[in-house]
Amino acid sequence: MEINPEFKDTIKKYLTFSLREYKAALALLLITLTVWYFSDIQHYFFPKQFDNSSLYQKAVELDALQKSKEETDITKGSDSEEKEVYTKNKDAPHEYFEFNPNTASQEELIKLGLSKKQINIIKNYIAKAGEIKSKTDFKKIYGITEMQFEALDKYLLLPETVPYIKTEAKETKTGTTTRLSIELNSADSNTLDQLPGIGMGYARRIIKYRTALGGFLDLSQLLEVYGFRQTLLDSISPYLTLDVSKIKLLNLNTSMLDELKSHPYIRYKIANAMVSYRQQHGNYKSLEELKNIVLITEEVFSKIKSYLSVD
């Protein structure tokens, strides 16, 4: 099929470009692309250094603001307590006297200048921690201000001070005190708890071991109590006395195997040998007969003889 020549001329007229038109169209395309991607090209060939100093400054300011807020929150309670105790309460002068924060009543603590809120914090601390063992512990309690601690420091009856105990018979309004002296073989846990560094945990262990022994012959035996250290013994020794007449003796002629072997110094084999010897030879006439038992060396004998009797 032959195409009409006039149609060919029309197509050629509108769909073909001259060399000049072609160059112009190409130049226009390049200009358009250049404008479109100008910013990317600029950053590629001429990278801009980002100045983050202003952003860093803002971060520092925000950090400082946050820290300031936290410090304000932390000190808010203590500041308000200090104002409450030392500013608002000027009309009610404080009464200072020696006290143990573990045993002091609410009325006594109020007289010393502590608020009810602070007293509740102290009581909660004791309930959770067991007791306040030192001035350092007392100082760290939340709500106790530096000013208050300085005022109460010399009146605190805690391990850093020479131990004292109130005497009920001569107690005055300010609290009469006398030097603490504790008889180790008869003291209960509450009494032992008053010794520096001895909490209820140690007090219970001492009594448990004392019961097993029958009583203490020497203060050095405290080192046999679980967890006891020489430094602790040295710190409490000046306040302890020993009444060896209170020691409970085991009767060699009536004590059963279970009683003998429960003593810390008598092993099962030795206890069994003691009973067997008694069954074979009759009642013991003297403690010296124990030396006839092969297992009982001179060292063992000297250690156990003070806890035994034949009467």
C-alpha atoms as a PDB file:
ATOM      1  CA  MET A   1       0.000   0.000   0.000  1.00  0.00           C
ATOM      2  CA  GLU A   2       1.469   3.298  -1.053  1.00  0.00           C
ATOM      3  CA  ILE A   3       1.429   6.276   1.368  1.00  0.00           C
ATOM      4  CA  ASN A   4       0.106   9.584   0.117  1.00  0.00           C
ATOM      5  CA  PRO A   5       3.034  11.985  -0.511  1.00  0.00           C
ATOM      6  CA  GLU A   6       1.149  14.884   1.075  1.00  0.00           C
ATOM      7  CA  PHE A   7       0.721  12.844   4.305  1.00  0.00           C
ATOM      8  CA  LYS A   8       4.426  12.142   4.346  1.00  0.00           C
ATOM      9  CA  ASP A   9       5.175  15.837   4.074  1.00  0.00           C
ATOM     10  CA  THR A  10       2.798  16.622   6.948  1.00  0.00           C
ATOM     11  CA  ILE A  11       4.426  14.029   9.278  1.00  0.00           C
ATOM     12  CA  LYS A  12       7.879  15.213   8.352  1.00  0.00           C
ATOM     13  CA  LYS A  13       6.898  18.811   8.973  1.00  0.00           C
ATOM     14  CA  TYR A  14       5.639  18.220  12.564  1.00  0.00           C
ATOM     15  CA  LEU A  15       7.648  15.220  13.813  1.00  0.00           C
ATOM     16  CA  THR A  16      11.175  15.993  12.681  1.00  0.00           C
ATOM     17  CA  PHE A  17      13.644  18.556  14.068  1.00  0.00           C
ATOM     18  CA  SER A  18      16.250  20.597  12.427  1.00  0.00           C
ATOM     19  CA  LEU A  19      19.793  20.485  13.816  1.00  0.00           C
ATOM     20  CA  ARG A  20      19.292  23.855  15.470  1.00  0.00           C
ATOM     21  CA  GLU A  21      16.010  22.774  17.129  1.00  0.00           C
ATOM     22  CA  TYR A  22      17.641  19.537  18.283  1.00  0.00           C
ATOM     23  CA  LYS A  23      20.511  21.438  19.980  1.00  0.00           C
ATOM     24  CA  ALA A  24      18.074  23.844  21.614  1.00  0.00           C
ATOM     25  CA  ALA A  25      15.938  21.009  23.002  1.00  0.00           C
ATOM     26  CA  LEU A  26      19.009  19.236  24.371  1.00  0.00           C
ATOM     27  CA  ALA A  27      20.245  22.419  26.038  1.00  0.00           C
ATOM     28  CA  LEU A  28      16.837  22.974  27.623  1.00  0.00           C
ATOM     29  CA  LEU A  29      16.838  19.425  29.001  1.00  0.00           C
ATOM     30  CA  LEU A  30      20.292  19.862  30.545  1.00  0.00           C
ATOM     31  CA  ILE A  31      19.280  23.157  32.155  1.00  0.00           C
ATOM     32  CA  THR A  32      16.141  21.539  33.625  1.00  0.00           C
ATOM     33  CA  LEU A  33      18.091  18.604  35.080  1.00  0.00           C
ATOM     34  CA  THR A  34      20.750  20.918  36.502  1.00  0.00           C
ATOM     35  CA  VAL A  35      18.182  23.089  38.260  1.00  0.00           C
ATOM     36  CA  TRP A  36      16.333  19.996  39.521  1.00  0.00           C
ATOM     37  CA  TYR A  37      19.405  18.374  41.095  1.00  0.00           C
ATOM     38  CA  PHE A  38      21.332  21.557  41.921  1.00  0.00           C
ATOM     39  CA  SER A  39      21.264  21.121  45.747  1.00  0.00           C
ATOM     40  CA  ASP A  40      22.432  17.506  45.542  1.00  0.00           C
ATOM     41  CA  ILE A  41      25.240  18.402  43.148  1.00  0.00           C
ATOM     42  CA  GLN A  42      26.294  21.280  45.345  1.00  0.00           C
ATOM     43  CA  HIS A  43      26.504  19.067  48.480  1.00  0.00           C
ATOM     44  CA  TYR A  44      28.402  16.422  46.505  1.00  0.00           C
ATOM     45  CA  PHE A  45      31.122  18.719  45.166  1.00  0.00           C
ATOM     46  CA  PHE A  46      31.063  21.235  48.030  1.00  0.00           C
ATOM     47  CA  PRO A  47      30.110  19.366  51.262  1.00  0.00           C
ATOM     48  CA  LYS A  48      28.991  21.750  53.979  1.00  0.00           C
ATOM     49  CA  GLN A  49      30.435  21.292  57.471  1.00  0.00           C
ATOM     50  CA  PHE A  50      27.579  21.019  59.984  1.00  0.00           C
ATOM     51  CA  ASP A  51      27.965  23.370  62.917  1.00  0.00           C
ATOM     52  CA  ASN A  52      26.550  21.482  65.917  1.00  0.00           C
ATOM     53  CA  SER A  53      27.805  23.874  68.577  1.00  0.00           C
ATOM     54  CA  SER A  54      24.400  25.424  69.066  1.00  0.00           C
ATOM     55  CA  LEU A  55      22.773  22.007  69.333  1.00  0.00           C
ATOM     56  CA  TYR A  56      25.405  20.899  71.869  1.00  0.00           C
ATOM     57  CA  GLN A  57      24.802  24.028  73.907  1.00  0.00           C
ATOM     58  CA  LYS A  58      21.089  23.300  73.967  1.00  0.00           C
ATOM     59  CA  ALA A  59      21.783  19.757  75.134  1.00  0.00           C
ATOM     60  CA  VAL A  60      24.006  21.043  77.944  1.00  0.00           C
ATOM     61  CA  GLU A  61      21.322  23.477  79.036  1.00  0.00           C
ATOM     62  CA  LEU A  62      18.659  20.759  79.066  1.00  0.00           C
ATOM     63  CA  ASP A  63      20.941  18.413  81.037  1.00  0.00           C
ATOM     64  CA  ALA A  64      21.646  21.105  83.594  1.00  0.00           C
ATOM     65  CA  LEU A  65      17.949  21.864  83.873  1.00  0.00           C
ATOM     66  CA  GLN A  66      17.138  18.181  84.482  1.00  0.00           C
ATOM     67  CA  LYS A  67      19.900  17.828  87.084  1.00  0.00           C
ATOM     68  CA  SER A  68      18.717  20.937  88.857  1.00  0.00           C
ATOM     69  CA  LYS A  69      15.184  19.543  88.972  1.00  0.00           C
ATOM     70  CA  GLU A  70      16.406  16.218  90.412  1.00  0.00           C
ATOM     71  CA  GLU A  71      18.469  17.950  93.083  1.00  0.00           C
ATOM     72  CA  THR A  72      15.493  20.103  93.961  1.00  0.00           C
ATOM     73  CA  ASP A  73      13.293  17.015  94.324  1.00  0.00           C
ATOM     74  CA  ILE A  74      15.878  15.280  96.509  1.00  0.00           C
ATOM     75  CA  THR A  75      16.487  18.205  98.832  1.00  0.00           C
ATOM     76  CA  LYS A  76      12.917  19.402  98.899  1.00  0.00           C
ATOM     77  CA  GLY A  77      11.988  17.093 101.769  1.00  0.00           C
ATOM     78  CA  SER A  78      15.034  17.896 103.897  1.00  0.00           C
ATOM     79  CA  ASP A  79      14.702  21.641 103.302  1.00  0.00           C
ATOM     80  CA  SER A  80      11.073  21.603 104.350  1.00  0.00           C
ATOM     81  CA  GLU A  81      11.941  19.531 107.419  1.00  0.00           C
ATOM     82  CA  GLU A  82      14.672  21.972 108.394  1.00  0.00           C
ATOM     83  CA  LYS A  83      12.308  24.910 108.073  1.00  0.00           C
ATOM     84  CA  GLU A  84       9.648  23.040 109.994  1.00  0.00           C
ATOM     85  CA  VAL A  85      11.965  22.083 112.858  1.00  0.00           C
ATOM     86  CA  TYR A  86      14.227  25.095 113.146  1.00  0.00           C
ATOM     87  CA  THR A  87      12.127  27.965 111.807  1.00  0.00           C
ATOM     88  CA  LYS A  88       8.463  27.336 112.470  1.00  0.00           C
ATOM     89  CA  ASN A  89       9.062  25.741 115.851  1.00  0.00           C
ATOM     90  CA  LYS A  90      11.082  28.521 117.492  1.00  0.00           C
ATOM     91  CA  ASP A  91       8.455  29.016 120.180  1.00  0.00           C
ATOM     92  CA  ALA A  92       9.012  25.428 121.427  1.00  0.00           C
ATOM     93  CA  PRO A  93      12.696  25.217 122.516  1.00  0.00           C
ATOM     94  CA  HIS A  94      14.373  21.832 122.101  1.00  0.00           C
ATOM     95  CA  GLU A  95      15.412  19.765 125.078  1.00  0.00           C
ATOM     96  CA  TYR A  96      18.652  17.857 124.540  1.00  0.00           C
ATOM     97  CA  PHE A  97      19.573  14.686 126.415  1.00  0.00           C
ATOM     98  CA  GLU A  98      21.351  11.404 125.687  1.00  0.00           C
ATOM     99  CA  PHE A  99      19.204   8.986 123.716  1.00  0.00           C
ATOM    100  CA  ASN A 100      19.269   5.836 121.631  1.00  0.00           C
ATOM    101  CA  PRO A 101      17.110   6.327 118.494  1.00  0.00           C
ATOM    102  CA  ASN A 102      16.336   2.588 118.481  1.00  0.00           C
ATOM    103  CA  THR A 103      14.555   2.730 121.836  1.00  0.00           C
ATOM    104  CA  ALA A 104      13.589   6.383 122.310  1.00  0.00           C
ATOM    105  CA  SER A 105       9.855   7.103 122.507  1.00  0.00           C
ATOM    106  CA  GLN A 106       8.061   9.450 120.140  1.00  0.00           C
ATOM    107  CA  GLU A 107       7.668  12.012 122.941  1.00  0.00           C
ATOM    108  CA  GLU A 108      11.437  11.984 123.583  1.00  0.00           C
ATOM    109  CA  LEU A 109      12.244  12.411 119.897  1.00  0.00           C
ATOM    110  CA  ILE A 110       9.798  15.315 119.622  1.00  0.00           C
ATOM    111  CA  LYS A 111      11.502  17.003 122.599  1.00  0.00           C
ATOM    112  CA  LEU A 112      14.803  16.627 120.742  1.00  0.00           C
ATOM    113  CA  GLY A 113      13.367  18.641 117.842  1.00  0.00           C
ATOM    114  CA  LEU A 114      12.403  15.889 115.408  1.00  0.00           C
ATOM    115  CA  SER A 115       9.130  16.210 113.525  1.00  0.00           C
ATOM    116  CA  LYS A 116       6.506  13.458 113.370  1.00  0.00           C
ATOM    117  CA  LYS A 117       7.423  12.859 109.735  1.00  0.00           C
ATOM    118  CA  GLN A 118      11.081  12.338 110.643  1.00  0.00           C
ATOM    119  CA  ILE A 119      10.111  10.054 113.520  1.00  0.00           C
ATOM    120  CA  ASN A 120       8.031   7.915 111.142  1.00  0.00           C
ATOM    121  CA  ILE A 121      11.012   7.681 108.777  1.00  0.00           C
ATOM    122  CA  ILE A 122      13.253   6.574 111.678  1.00  0.00           C
ATOM    123  CA  LYS A 123      10.744   3.965 112.821  1.00  0.00           C
ATOM    124  CA  ASN A 124      10.371   2.646 109.269  1.00  0.00           C
ATOM    125  CA  TYR A 125      14.156   2.433 108.949  1.00  0.00           C
ATOM    126  CA  ILE A 126      14.382   0.399 112.172  1.00  0.00           C
ATOM    127  CA  ALA A 127      11.533  -1.865 111.038  1.00  0.00           C
ATOM    128  CA  LYS A 128      13.308  -2.636 107.749  1.00  0.00           C
ATOM    129  CA  ALA A 129      17.005  -2.531 108.728  1.00  0.00           C
ATOM    130  CA  GLY A 130      16.609  -4.011 112.211  1.00  0.00           C
ATOM    131  CA  GLU A 131      18.292  -1.157 114.070  1.00  0.00           C
ATOM    132  CA  ILE A 132      20.411   1.965 113.778  1.00  0.00           C
ATOM    133  CA  LYS A 133      23.887   0.682 114.624  1.00  0.00           C
ATOM    134  CA  SER A 134      26.015   3.810 114.395  1.00  0.00           C
ATOM    135  CA  LYS A 135      25.988   7.571 114.155  1.00  0.00           C
ATOM    136  CA  THR A 136      26.813   7.180 110.500  1.00  0.00           C
ATOM    137  CA  ASP A 137      23.616   5.152 110.008  1.00  0.00           C
ATOM    138  CA  PHE A 138      21.601   7.818 111.813  1.00  0.00           C
ATOM    139  CA  LYS A 139      23.123  10.588 109.710  1.00  0.00           C
ATOM    140  CA  LYS A 140      22.253   8.778 106.465  1.00  0.00           C
ATOM    141  CA  ILE A 141      18.557   8.442 107.320  1.00  0.00           C
ATOM    142  CA  TYR A 142      16.532  10.414 104.781  1.00  0.00           C
ATOM    143  CA  GLY A 143      15.089  13.582 106.288  1.00  0.00           C
ATOM    144  CA  ILE A 144      17.755  14.101 108.980  1.00  0.00           C
ATOM    145  CA  THR A 145      19.384  17.411 108.075  1.00  0.00           C
ATOM    146  CA  GLU A 146      23.029  18.306 108.583  1.00  0.00           C
ATOM    147  CA  MET A 147      21.989  20.947 111.097  1.00  0.00           C
ATOM    148  CA  GLN A 148      19.989  18.450 113.128  1.00  0.00           C
ATOM    149  CA  PHE A 149      22.751  15.861 113.115  1.00  0.00           C
ATOM    150  CA  GLU A 150      25.297  18.389 114.384  1.00  0.00           C
ATOM    151  CA  ALA A 151      22.924  19.339 117.198  1.00  0.00           C
ATOM    152  CA  LEU A 152      22.187  15.729 118.208  1.00  0.00           C
ATOM    153  CA  ASP A 153      25.602  14.162 117.538  1.00  0.00           C
ATOM    154  CA  LYS A 154      27.002  14.328 121.072  1.00  0.00           C
ATOM    155  CA  TYR A 155      23.774  13.011 122.589  1.00  0.00           C
ATOM    156  CA  LEU A 156      23.525   9.872 120.448  1.00  0.00           C
ATOM    157  CA  LEU A 157      24.159   6.663 122.390  1.00  0.00           C
ATOM    158  CA  LEU A 158      25.484   4.605 119.485  1.00  0.00           C
ATOM    159  CA  PRO A 159      28.701   2.616 118.858  1.00  0.00           C
ATOM    160  CA  GLU A 160      30.897   5.640 118.182  1.00  0.00           C
ATOM    161  CA  THR A 161      30.338   6.802 121.768  1.00  0.00           C
ATOM    162  CA  VAL A 162      31.211   5.097 125.051  1.00  0.00           C
ATOM    163  CA  PRO A 163      28.139   2.941 125.743  1.00  0.00           C
ATOM    164  CA  TYR A 164      25.796   4.112 128.450  1.00  0.00           C
ATOM    165  CA  ILE A 165      22.515   2.800 129.761  1.00  0.00           C
ATOM    166  CA  LYS A 166      19.701   4.646 131.509  1.00  0.00           C
ATOM    167  CA  THR A 167      19.060   3.782 135.139  1.00  0.00           C
ATOM    168  CA  GLU A 168      15.374   3.699 135.822  1.00  0.00           C
ATOM    169  CA  ALA A 169      15.776   4.139 139.564  1.00  0.00           C
ATOM    170  CA  LYS A 170      17.556   7.474 139.180  1.00  0.00           C
ATOM    171  CA  GLU A 171      16.163   8.653 135.899  1.00  0.00           C
ATOM    172  CA  THR A 172      15.604  12.382 135.725  1.00  0.00           C
ATOM    173  CA  LYS A 173      13.895  14.570 133.206  1.00  0.00           C
ATOM    174  CA  THR A 174      17.092  14.753 131.167  1.00  0.00           C
ATOM    175  CA  GLY A 175      17.942  11.099 131.724  1.00  0.00           C
ATOM    176  CA  THR A 176      20.562   9.993 134.246  1.00  0.00           C
ATOM    177  CA  THR A 177      23.140   7.621 132.777  1.00  0.00           C
ATOM    178  CA  THR A 178      25.730   5.199 134.055  1.00  0.00           C
ATOM    179  CA  ARG A 179      28.481   3.186 132.381  1.00  0.00           C
ATOM    180  CA  LEU A 180      27.266  -0.043 130.810  1.00  0.00           C
ATOM    181  CA  SER A 181      28.367  -3.311 132.431  1.00  0.00           C
ATOM    182  CA  ILE A 182      26.935  -6.629 131.234  1.00  0.00           C
ATOM    183  CA  GLU A 183      27.333 -10.074 132.809  1.00  0.00           C
ATOM    184  CA  LEU A 184      27.737 -12.326 129.788  1.00  0.00           C
ATOM    185  CA  ASN A 185      26.390 -15.561 131.279  1.00  0.00           C
ATOM    186  CA  SER A 186      23.037 -14.099 132.288  1.00  0.00           C
ATOM    187  CA  ALA A 187      22.334 -11.246 129.839  1.00  0.00           C
ATOM    188  CA  ASP A 188      19.322 -11.534 127.555  1.00  0.00           C
ATOM    189  CA  SER A 189      19.309 -10.541 123.875  1.00  0.00           C
ATOM    190  CA  ASN A 190      17.934  -7.035 124.526  1.00  0.00           C
ATOM    191  CA  THR A 191      20.756  -6.340 126.978  1.00  0.00           C
ATOM    192  CA  LEU A 192      23.451  -7.675 124.630  1.00  0.00           C
ATOM    193  CA  ASP A 193      21.938  -5.587 121.838  1.00  0.00           C
ATOM    194  CA  GLN A 194      23.141  -2.445 123.640  1.00  0.00           C
ATOM    195  CA  LEU A 195      26.802  -3.353 123.093  1.00  0.00           C
ATOM    196  CA  PRO A 196      28.613  -1.508 120.273  1.00  0.00           C
ATOM    197  CA  GLY A 197      28.435  -3.475 117.041  1.00  0.00           C
ATOM    198  CA  ILE A 198      26.142  -6.139 118.529  1.00  0.00           C
ATOM    199  CA  GLY A 199      22.732  -6.241 116.905  1.00  0.00           C
ATOM    200  CA  MET A 200      19.923  -8.670 117.588  1.00  0.00           C
ATOM    201  CA  GLY A 201      21.463 -11.153 115.146  1.00  0.00           C
ATOM    202  CA  TYR A 202      24.737 -11.418 117.081  1.00  0.00           C
ATOM    203  CA  ALA A 203      22.869 -11.311 120.406  1.00  0.00           C
ATOM    204  CA  ARG A 204      20.793 -14.369 119.459  1.00  0.00           C
ATOM    205  CA  ARG A 205      23.872 -16.260 118.241  1.00  0.00           C
ATOM    206  CA  ILE A 206      25.727 -15.526 121.493  1.00  0.00           C
ATOM    207  CA  ILE A 207      22.849 -16.805 123.590  1.00  0.00           C
ATOM    208  CA  LYS A 208      22.393 -19.893 121.415  1.00  0.00           C
ATOM    209  CA  TYR A 209      26.092 -20.781 121.720  1.00  0.00           C
ATOM    210  CA  ARG A 210      26.109 -19.967 125.453  1.00  0.00           C
ATOM    211  CA  THR A 211      23.210 -22.366 125.950  1.00  0.00           C
ATOM    212  CA  ALA A 212      25.010 -25.121 124.036  1.00  0.00           C
ATOM    213  CA  LEU A 213      28.200 -24.597 126.067  1.00  0.00           C
ATOM    214  CA  GLY A 214      26.495 -24.200 129.411  1.00  0.00           C
ATOM    215  CA  GLY A 215      28.076 -20.783 129.803  1.00  0.00           C
ATOM    216  CA  PHE A 216      31.249 -18.888 128.972  1.00  0.00           C
ATOM    217  CA  LEU A 217      34.456 -19.463 130.914  1.00  0.00           C
ATOM    218  CA  ASP A 218      36.428 -16.830 129.043  1.00  0.00           C
ATOM    219  CA  LEU A 219      35.539 -13.899 126.789  1.00  0.00           C
ATOM    220  CA  SER A 220      37.740 -15.340 124.050  1.00  0.00           C
ATOM    221  CA  GLN A 221      35.120 -18.074 123.569  1.00  0.00           C
ATOM    222  CA  LEU A 222      32.985 -15.462 121.826  1.00  0.00           C
ATOM    223  CA  LEU A 223      35.280 -15.947 118.840  1.00  0.00           C
ATOM    224  CA  GLU A 224      33.711 -19.398 118.497  1.00  0.00           C
ATOM    225  CA  VAL A 225      30.361 -17.747 117.769  1.00  0.00           C
ATOM    226  CA  TYR A 226      29.643 -17.757 114.030  1.00  0.00           C
ATOM    227  CA  GLY A 227      30.810 -14.537 112.357  1.00  0.00           C
ATOM    228  CA  PHE A 228      32.489 -13.088 115.466  1.00  0.00           C
ATOM    229  CA  ARG A 229      35.726 -11.174 114.841  1.00  0.00           C
ATOM    230  CA  GLN A 230      38.622 -10.176 117.077  1.00  0.00           C
ATOM    231  CA  THR A 231      38.011  -6.479 116.439  1.00  0.00           C
ATOM    232  CA  LEU A 232      34.420  -6.854 117.637  1.00  0.00           C
ATOM    233  CA  LEU A 233      35.556  -8.740 120.737  1.00  0.00           C
ATOM    234  CA  ASP A 234      38.091  -6.014 121.509  1.00  0.00           C
ATOM    235  CA  SER A 235      35.420  -3.312 121.261  1.00  0.00           C
ATOM    236  CA  ILE A 236      32.947  -4.961 123.652  1.00  0.00           C
ATOM    237  CA  SER A 237      35.315  -6.596 126.170  1.00  0.00           C
ATOM    238  CA  PRO A 238      35.570  -3.492 128.409  1.00  0.00           C
ATOM    239  CA  TYR A 239      31.828  -3.651 129.046  1.00  0.00           C
ATOM    240  CA  LEU A 240      31.555  -7.369 129.829  1.00  0.00           C
ATOM    241  CA  THR A 241      31.939  -9.359 133.051  1.00  0.00           C
ATOM    242  CA  LEU A 242      31.820 -13.132 133.621  1.00  0.00           C
ATOM    243  CA  ASP A 243      30.219 -15.023 136.476  1.00  0.00           C
ATOM    244  CA  VAL A 244      31.475 -18.589 135.991  1.00  0.00           C
ATOM    245  CA  SER A 245      29.279 -19.809 138.862  1.00  0.00           C
ATOM    246  CA  LYS A 246      26.352 -19.552 136.421  1.00  0.00           C
ATOM    247  CA  ILE A 247      27.812 -22.242 134.145  1.00  0.00           C
ATOM    248  CA  LYS A 248      25.563 -25.316 133.845  1.00  0.00           C
ATOM    249  CA  LEU A 249      27.548 -28.538 134.201  1.00  0.00           C
ATOM    250  CA  LEU A 250      26.866 -31.909 132.596  1.00  0.00           C
ATOM    251  CA  ASN A 251      26.771 -34.748 135.121  1.00  0.00           C
ATOM    252  CA  LEU A 252      28.891 -37.610 133.801  1.00  0.00           C
ATOM    253  CA  ASN A 253      26.875 -40.143 135.798  1.00  0.00           C
ATOM    254  CA  THR A 254      23.402 -39.109 134.663  1.00  0.00           C
ATOM    255  CA  SER A 255      23.801 -37.406 131.270  1.00  0.00           C
ATOM    256  CA  MET A 256      22.644 -39.422 128.277  1.00  0.00           C
ATOM    257  CA  LEU A 257      24.453 -39.750 124.962  1.00  0.00           C
ATOM    258  CA  ASP A 258      22.347 -37.049 123.234  1.00  0.00           C
ATOM    259  CA  GLU A 259      23.078 -34.542 126.010  1.00  0.00           C
ATOM    260  CA  LEU A 260      26.802 -35.139 125.911  1.00  0.00           C
ATOM    261  CA  LYS A 261      27.204 -35.072 122.145  1.00  0.00           C
ATOM    262  CA  SER A 262      25.244 -31.795 121.876  1.00  0.00           C
ATOM    263  CA  HIS A 263      28.036 -29.953 123.689  1.00  0.00           C
ATOM    264  CA  PRO A 264      30.265 -28.030 121.217  1.00  0.00           C
ATOM    265  CA  TYR A 265      33.460 -29.522 122.702  1.00  0.00           C
ATOM    266  CA  ILE A 266      32.319 -33.158 122.793  1.00  0.00           C
ATOM    267  CA  ARG A 267      32.163 -35.112 119.539  1.00  0.00           C
ATOM    268  CA  TYR A 268      29.842 -38.095 119.107  1.00  0.00           C
ATOM    269  CA  LYS A 269      32.651 -40.682 119.392  1.00  0.00           C
ATOM    270  CA  ILE A 270      33.890 -39.151 122.642  1.00  0.00           C
ATOM    271  CA  ALA A 271      30.347 -38.892 124.057  1.00  0.00           C
ATOM    272  CA  ASN A 272      29.715 -42.526 123.139  1.00  0.00           C
ATOM    273  CA  ALA A 273      32.995 -43.577 124.754  1.00  0.00           C
ATOM    274  CA  MET A 274      32.050 -41.695 127.968  1.00  0.00           C
ATOM    275  CA  VAL A 275      28.737 -43.520 128.226  1.00  0.00           C
ATOM    276  CA  SER A 276      30.304 -46.907 127.374  1.00  0.00           C
ATOM    277  CA  TYR A 277      32.980 -46.460 130.040  1.00  0.00           C
ATOM    278  CA  ARG A 278      30.302 -45.642 132.635  1.00  0.00           C
ATOM    279  CA  GLN A 279      28.309 -48.718 131.663  1.00  0.00           C
ATOM    280  CA  GLN A 280      31.380 -50.940 131.946  1.00  0.00           C
ATOM    281  CA  HIS A 281      32.967 -49.508 135.104  1.00  0.00           C
ATOM    282  CA  GLY A 282      30.084 -47.946 136.965  1.00  0.00           C
ATOM    283  CA  ASN A 283      29.681 -44.313 137.935  1.00  0.00           C
ATOM    284  CA  TYR A 284      32.619 -41.978 137.649  1.00  0.00           C
ATOM    285  CA  LYS A 285      34.332 -41.220 140.931  1.00  0.00           C
ATOM    286  CA  SER A 286      36.293 -38.262 139.537  1.00  0.00           C
ATOM    287  CA  LEU A 287      36.809 -36.380 136.308  1.00  0.00           C
ATOM    288  CA  GLU A 288      40.325 -37.777 136.144  1.00  0.00           C
ATOM    289  CA  GLU A 289      38.871 -41.163 135.136  1.00  0.00           C
ATOM    290  CA  LEU A 290      38.108 -39.653 131.719  1.00  0.00           C
ATOM    291  CA  LYS A 291      41.817 -39.886 130.946  1.00  0.00           C
ATOM    292  CA  ASN A 292      41.418 -43.663 130.874  1.00  0.00           C
ATOM    293  CA  ILE A 293      39.448 -43.260 127.660  1.00  0.00           C
ATOM    294  CA  VAL A 294      41.801 -43.484 124.662  1.00  0.00           C
ATOM    295  CA  LEU A 295      39.984 -40.763 122.666  1.00  0.00           C
ATOM    296  CA  ILE A 296      40.305 -38.196 125.432  1.00  0.00           C
ATOM    297  CA  THR A 297      43.729 -36.612 125.129  1.00  0.00           C
ATOM    298  CA  GLU A 298      45.164 -34.161 127.604  1.00  0.00           C
ATOM    299  CA  GLU A 299      44.126 -31.337 125.320  1.00  0.00           C
ATOM    300  CA  VAL A 300      40.543 -32.587 125.070  1.00  0.00           C
ATOM    301  CA  PHE A 301      40.363 -33.177 128.813  1.00  0.00           C
ATOM    302  CA  SER A 302      41.534 -29.655 129.680  1.00  0.00           C
ATOM    303  CA  LYS A 303      38.920 -28.239 127.325  1.00  0.00           C
ATOM    304  CA  ILE A 304      35.885 -30.191 128.577  1.00  0.00           C
ATOM    305  CA  LYS A 305      36.605 -30.692 132.291  1.00  0.00           C
ATOM    306  CA  SER A 306      35.175 -27.311 133.310  1.00  0.00           C
ATOM    307  CA  TYR A 307      31.794 -28.271 131.842  1.00  0.00           C
ATOM    308  CA  LEU A 308      31.518 -31.662 133.573  1.00  0.00           C
ATOM    309  CA  SER A 309      30.796 -32.929 137.064  1.00  0.00           C
ATOM    310  CA  VAL A 310      30.423 -36.298 138.786  1.00  0.00           C
ATOM    311  CA  ASP A 311      27.970 -35.118 141.448  1.00  0.00           C
END
